[in-house]
Protein backbone atom coordinates (compact mmCIF):
# COMPACT_ATOMS: atom_id res chain seq x y z
CA MET A 1 -34.47 19.74 34.95
CA ILE A 2 -34.98 16.35 33.34
CA GLY A 3 -31.82 14.25 33.41
CA LEU A 4 -29.92 16.70 35.64
CA ASP A 5 -30.96 15.49 39.08
CA PRO A 6 -27.71 15.52 41.20
CA ARG A 7 -29.19 12.93 43.59
CA LYS A 8 -29.24 10.25 40.91
CA ALA A 9 -26.28 7.97 40.30
CA LYS A 10 -24.11 8.66 37.28
CA PRO A 11 -24.99 6.46 34.29
CA PHE A 12 -22.36 3.82 33.60
CA ASP A 13 -21.95 2.00 30.31
CA PRO A 14 -18.96 -0.40 30.39
CA ASN A 15 -19.13 -0.94 26.64
CA TRP A 16 -18.62 2.80 26.12
CA VAL A 17 -15.86 3.18 28.69
CA SER A 18 -14.01 0.07 27.53
CA PRO A 19 -15.04 -0.69 23.94
CA SER A 20 -14.52 -4.15 22.59
CA GLU A 21 -11.41 -4.88 20.54
CA GLU A 22 -13.51 -5.15 17.39
CA VAL A 23 -15.15 -1.75 17.95
CA ALA A 24 -11.81 -0.10 18.73
CA LEU A 25 -10.25 -1.66 15.62
CA HIS A 26 -13.12 -0.45 13.44
CA GLY A 27 -12.72 3.08 14.77
CA GLN A 28 -8.97 2.99 14.17
CA ARG A 29 -9.48 1.82 10.61
CA MET A 30 -11.99 4.59 10.00
CA LEU A 31 -9.42 7.13 11.20
CA ILE A 32 -6.74 5.64 8.95
CA SER A 33 -9.07 5.67 5.92
CA VAL A 34 -9.95 9.33 6.50
CA VAL A 35 -6.24 10.20 6.55
CA GLY A 36 -5.75 8.35 3.26
CA LEU A 37 -8.72 9.93 1.50
CA THR A 38 -7.76 13.42 2.66
CA ALA A 39 -4.18 13.02 1.42
CA ILE A 40 -5.36 11.84 -2.00
CA LEU A 41 -7.92 14.64 -2.40
CA LEU A 42 -5.65 17.50 -1.29
CA PRO A 43 -3.70 18.08 -4.57
CA PRO A 44 -6.69 18.10 -6.99
CA ALA A 45 -8.76 20.14 -4.53
CA VAL A 46 -6.34 23.07 -4.24
CA ILE A 47 -5.48 23.02 -7.96
CA LEU A 48 -9.12 23.01 -9.10
CA VAL A 49 -10.26 25.63 -6.60
CA ASP A 50 -7.45 27.97 -7.62
CA TRP A 51 -7.95 27.24 -11.32
CA TYR A 52 -11.55 28.47 -11.25
CA ALA A 53 -10.65 31.62 -9.32
CA PRO A 54 -9.99 34.91 -11.10
CA PHE A 55 -6.50 34.99 -12.64
CA PRO A 56 -5.52 31.36 -11.89
CA CYS A 57 -1.95 30.11 -11.74
CA PHE A 58 -0.68 26.56 -12.05
CA ARG A 59 1.88 26.88 -9.27
CA ASP A 60 5.34 25.35 -8.97
CA SER A 61 4.49 23.22 -5.92
CA LEU A 62 1.59 22.30 -3.70
CA SER A 63 3.16 24.37 -0.95
CA HIS A 64 2.86 27.50 -3.10
CA TYR A 65 -0.92 27.14 -3.07
CA TYR A 66 -0.66 28.56 0.44
CA TYR A 67 -0.59 31.96 -1.29
CA SER A 68 -3.75 31.35 -3.32
CA GLN A 69 -6.62 33.55 -2.14
CA ARG A 70 -9.10 30.66 -2.25
CA ALA A 71 -7.11 27.43 -2.28
CA GLY A 72 -4.73 28.62 0.43
CA VAL A 73 -7.32 28.11 3.15
CA ILE A 74 -8.02 24.58 1.88
CA PHE A 75 -4.29 23.79 1.81
CA VAL A 76 -3.70 24.96 5.39
CA MET A 77 -6.85 23.41 6.87
CA THR A 78 -6.34 20.07 5.12
CA LEU A 79 -2.72 19.76 6.23
CA ALA A 80 -3.70 20.72 9.76
CA PHE A 81 -6.46 18.10 9.64
CA ILE A 82 -4.07 15.40 8.40
CA GLY A 83 -1.49 16.42 11.00
CA THR A 84 -4.04 16.22 13.80
CA LEU A 85 -5.25 12.79 12.69
CA LEU A 86 -1.70 11.49 12.37
CA ALA A 87 -0.91 12.69 15.87
CA SER A 88 -4.03 10.81 17.03
CA TYR A 89 -2.95 7.52 15.43
CA ARG A 90 -2.52 4.79 18.03
CA ALA A 91 -0.69 1.54 17.35
CA GLU A 92 0.43 -1.29 19.58
CA ALA A 93 4.08 -0.23 19.48
CA ARG A 94 5.00 2.97 21.32
CA SER A 95 7.70 3.74 18.75
CA VAL A 96 5.09 3.73 15.97
CA ARG A 97 2.79 6.00 17.97
CA ASN A 98 5.67 8.39 18.58
CA LEU A 99 6.57 8.44 14.89
CA ALA A 100 2.96 9.18 13.97
CA THR A 101 2.95 12.05 16.46
CA VAL A 102 6.15 13.47 14.98
CA ALA A 103 4.65 13.16 11.48
CA GLY A 104 1.53 14.97 12.66
CA LEU A 105 3.56 17.80 14.16
CA ALA A 106 5.61 18.03 10.96
CA GLY A 107 2.39 18.34 8.95
CA LEU A 108 1.22 21.15 11.19
CA ILE A 109 4.54 22.95 10.77
CA VAL A 110 4.29 22.61 6.97
CA ALA A 111 0.85 24.20 7.15
CA VAL A 112 1.73 27.03 9.54
CA PHE A 113 5.15 28.00 8.12
CA PRO A 114 4.70 28.56 4.35
CA THR A 115 7.30 28.18 1.65
CA GLU A 116 8.87 31.26 0.08
CA GLY A 117 8.10 32.88 -3.26
CA PRO A 118 4.86 33.17 -5.25
CA GLY A 119 5.43 29.97 -7.25
CA CYS A 120 4.01 31.68 -10.35
CA THR A 121 5.64 32.96 -13.52
CA VAL A 122 2.58 34.51 -15.19
CA ASP A 123 2.14 38.28 -15.21
CA GLN A 124 -1.16 38.31 -13.35
CA PHE A 125 -2.39 35.85 -10.74
CA ASN A 126 -4.52 35.83 -7.59
CA ALA A 127 -2.56 35.83 -4.34
CA ARG A 128 -2.64 36.58 -0.65
CA ILE A 129 0.54 38.21 0.60
CA PHE A 130 2.22 39.57 3.70
CA GLY A 131 2.21 43.33 4.07
CA VAL A 132 2.33 46.12 6.63
CA VAL A 133 -0.54 48.50 7.33
CA GLU A 134 0.50 51.97 8.46
CA ALA A 135 -1.94 54.85 8.96
CA GLY A 136 -4.62 52.89 7.13
CA SER A 137 -2.55 52.24 4.02
CA PRO A 138 -1.02 48.84 3.19
CA ILE A 139 2.68 48.89 2.42
CA VAL A 140 3.85 45.82 0.53
CA ALA A 141 7.43 45.13 -0.50
CA PHE A 142 7.15 42.54 -3.29
CA ARG A 143 10.54 41.09 -2.37
CA THR A 144 9.22 39.92 1.02
CA ALA A 145 5.50 39.72 0.20
CA PHE A 146 5.73 35.93 -0.06
CA GLN A 147 7.88 35.38 3.00
CA LEU A 148 6.62 35.05 6.56
CA PHE A 149 10.13 35.68 7.94
CA PRO A 150 13.68 35.19 6.59
CA GLY A 151 14.57 31.53 6.42
CA VAL A 152 10.99 30.27 6.79
CA GLY A 153 11.52 28.16 3.67
CA MET A 154 14.11 26.08 5.51
CA VAL A 155 11.63 25.40 8.31
CA HIS A 156 8.93 24.49 5.80
CA TYR A 157 11.05 22.12 3.72
CA GLY A 158 12.69 20.60 6.78
CA ALA A 159 9.28 19.66 8.18
CA ALA A 160 8.17 18.40 4.76
CA ILE A 161 11.23 16.12 4.55
CA ILE A 162 10.45 14.68 7.99
CA LEU A 163 6.81 14.13 7.02
CA PHE A 164 7.63 12.37 3.74
CA ALA A 165 10.40 10.32 5.35
CA ILE A 166 8.00 9.00 8.00
CA MET A 167 5.41 8.34 5.26
CA PHE A 168 8.03 6.24 3.47
CA TYR A 169 8.95 4.35 6.64
CA PHE A 170 5.32 3.54 7.45
CA CYS A 171 4.73 2.15 3.95
CA ALA A 172 8.05 0.30 3.67
CA VAL A 173 8.27 -1.15 7.19
CA VAL A 174 5.42 -0.52 9.65
CA PHE A 175 2.44 -1.45 7.47
CA ARG A 176 4.20 -4.53 6.11
CA ARG A 177 4.70 -6.11 9.54
CA PRO A 178 2.36 -9.10 10.08
CA GLY A 179 -0.36 -8.84 12.68
CA LYS A 180 -1.96 -11.51 14.80
CA LYS A 181 -4.45 -12.51 12.11
CA ASP A 182 -2.11 -12.22 9.13
CA ARG A 183 -0.64 -15.73 9.45
CA ASP A 184 -2.24 -19.11 8.90
CA PRO A 185 -2.63 -20.71 12.37
CA ASP A 186 -1.65 -24.12 11.04
CA THR A 187 1.37 -23.34 8.84
CA GLY A 188 2.44 -19.91 10.15
CA ALA A 189 2.66 -18.63 6.57
CA LEU A 190 1.40 -15.19 5.63
CA ARG A 191 -2.12 -15.16 4.30
CA ALA A 192 -2.57 -14.34 0.62
CA VAL A 193 -4.41 -11.09 1.36
CA LYS A 194 -1.53 -9.89 3.57
CA ILE A 195 0.96 -10.68 0.83
CA ALA A 196 -1.18 -8.65 -1.60
CA ARG A 197 -1.35 -5.72 0.83
CA ASN A 198 2.40 -5.84 1.40
CA ARG A 199 3.00 -5.57 -2.33
CA ILE A 200 0.84 -2.45 -2.45
CA TYR A 201 2.68 -0.99 0.53
CA LEU A 202 6.01 -1.68 -1.15
CA VAL A 203 4.94 0.02 -4.38
CA CYS A 204 3.69 3.02 -2.41
CA ALA A 205 6.99 3.20 -0.52
CA LEU A 206 8.94 3.10 -3.78
CA VAL A 207 6.82 5.91 -5.24
CA ILE A 208 7.34 8.08 -2.15
CA GLY A 209 11.08 7.33 -2.14
CA ALA A 210 11.43 8.09 -5.86
CA ALA A 211 9.48 11.35 -5.44
CA MET A 212 11.76 12.44 -2.61
CA VAL A 213 14.87 11.68 -4.65
CA VAL A 214 13.59 13.53 -7.73
CA ILE A 215 12.52 16.56 -5.70
CA GLY A 216 15.90 16.60 -3.96
CA LEU A 217 17.77 16.42 -7.28
CA SER A 218 15.66 19.25 -8.71
CA PHE A 219 17.14 21.62 -6.11
CA MET A 220 20.70 20.82 -7.18
CA PRO A 221 22.09 23.20 -9.82
CA SER A 222 23.69 20.33 -11.74
CA PHE A 223 20.39 18.47 -12.17
CA SER A 224 17.70 21.17 -12.02
CA PRO A 225 17.83 21.90 -15.81
CA LEU A 226 16.81 18.28 -16.45
CA PHE A 227 13.45 18.63 -14.70
CA SER A 228 10.19 20.42 -15.38
CA GLN A 229 9.48 23.70 -13.66
CA ARG A 230 6.73 21.97 -11.67
CA VAL A 231 8.63 18.82 -10.77
CA VAL A 232 8.11 19.55 -7.06
CA LEU A 233 4.35 19.77 -7.60
CA TYR A 234 4.27 16.47 -9.49
CA GLY A 235 6.54 14.80 -6.93
CA GLU A 236 4.44 15.97 -3.98
CA TRP A 237 1.28 14.87 -5.76
CA ALA A 238 2.67 11.39 -6.47
CA ALA A 239 3.93 11.00 -2.89
CA LEU A 240 0.57 12.03 -1.40
CA MET A 241 -1.28 9.66 -3.75
CA ALA A 242 0.97 6.78 -2.70
CA PHE A 243 0.73 7.69 0.97
CA GLY A 244 -3.06 7.97 0.78
CA THR A 245 -3.40 4.67 -1.07
CA ALA A 246 -1.32 2.85 1.53
CA TRP A 247 -3.42 4.26 4.36
CA LEU A 248 -6.65 3.30 2.59
CA VAL A 249 -5.37 -0.27 2.25
CA LYS A 250 -4.32 -0.23 5.90
CA GLY A 251 -7.77 1.02 6.87
CA ARG A 252 -9.42 -1.81 4.89
CA PHE A 253 -11.14 0.74 2.66
CA PHE A 254 -10.93 -1.75 -0.21
CA ASN A 255 -12.29 -4.71 1.76
CA ARG A 256 -15.01 -5.20 -0.81
CA PHE A 257 -12.25 -6.19 -3.25
CA MET A 258 -9.82 -7.88 -0.84
CA ARG A 259 -10.81 -10.42 1.78
CA SER A 260 -9.59 -9.49 5.25
């Protein structure tokens, strides 16, 4: 067969085996930008898809969209996609690579181990639930229909806390560190574009931190009456928007507006 002659030497392309630094950097920035765009699009995607399904429900948190018949698949697949890309992130520092891997694994756990409860207060809403099929008939106990196993909510929220905490650290510390080309070679001062990016990273970190604090307070009986029923949803949405924006800036997605 053409191209499959075992007597011929294997083709060798050194540029493919060892790509140039510029090519590798471009690929890394593409990966980072995809992570940012996916994080930003996740909240509106699941909300809109569920809203136009029969018997929609504006749920209490993004995590509760796991139980939507249509948006649930998008929620799980998108989180798994983000988790996989985060685990694939490669930086110069091993500690940063390890943190990205932990964040990716946390994202996968959030996707695989759902939160508990339907997240809906309306009388009728679309849902996918856990049930038992015996002799061809489904048996569903509503009390446990929205629970994979007892205590799964702790696993879910624990992984979510780790994921958001690493998001915060990346925006507040990792992304703000100067690189080789971020300083003026003559004066050693940070370039203006790096200063601008650092300000964006700092704002994103503050938004993620504030969202985590508000969500945490909403679970405390003393403070929960002060917040909206969907404060977790709004907090998760804000944190993902900030996280996605920071990763888009890191991936030079806005280069047309900011000189590199």
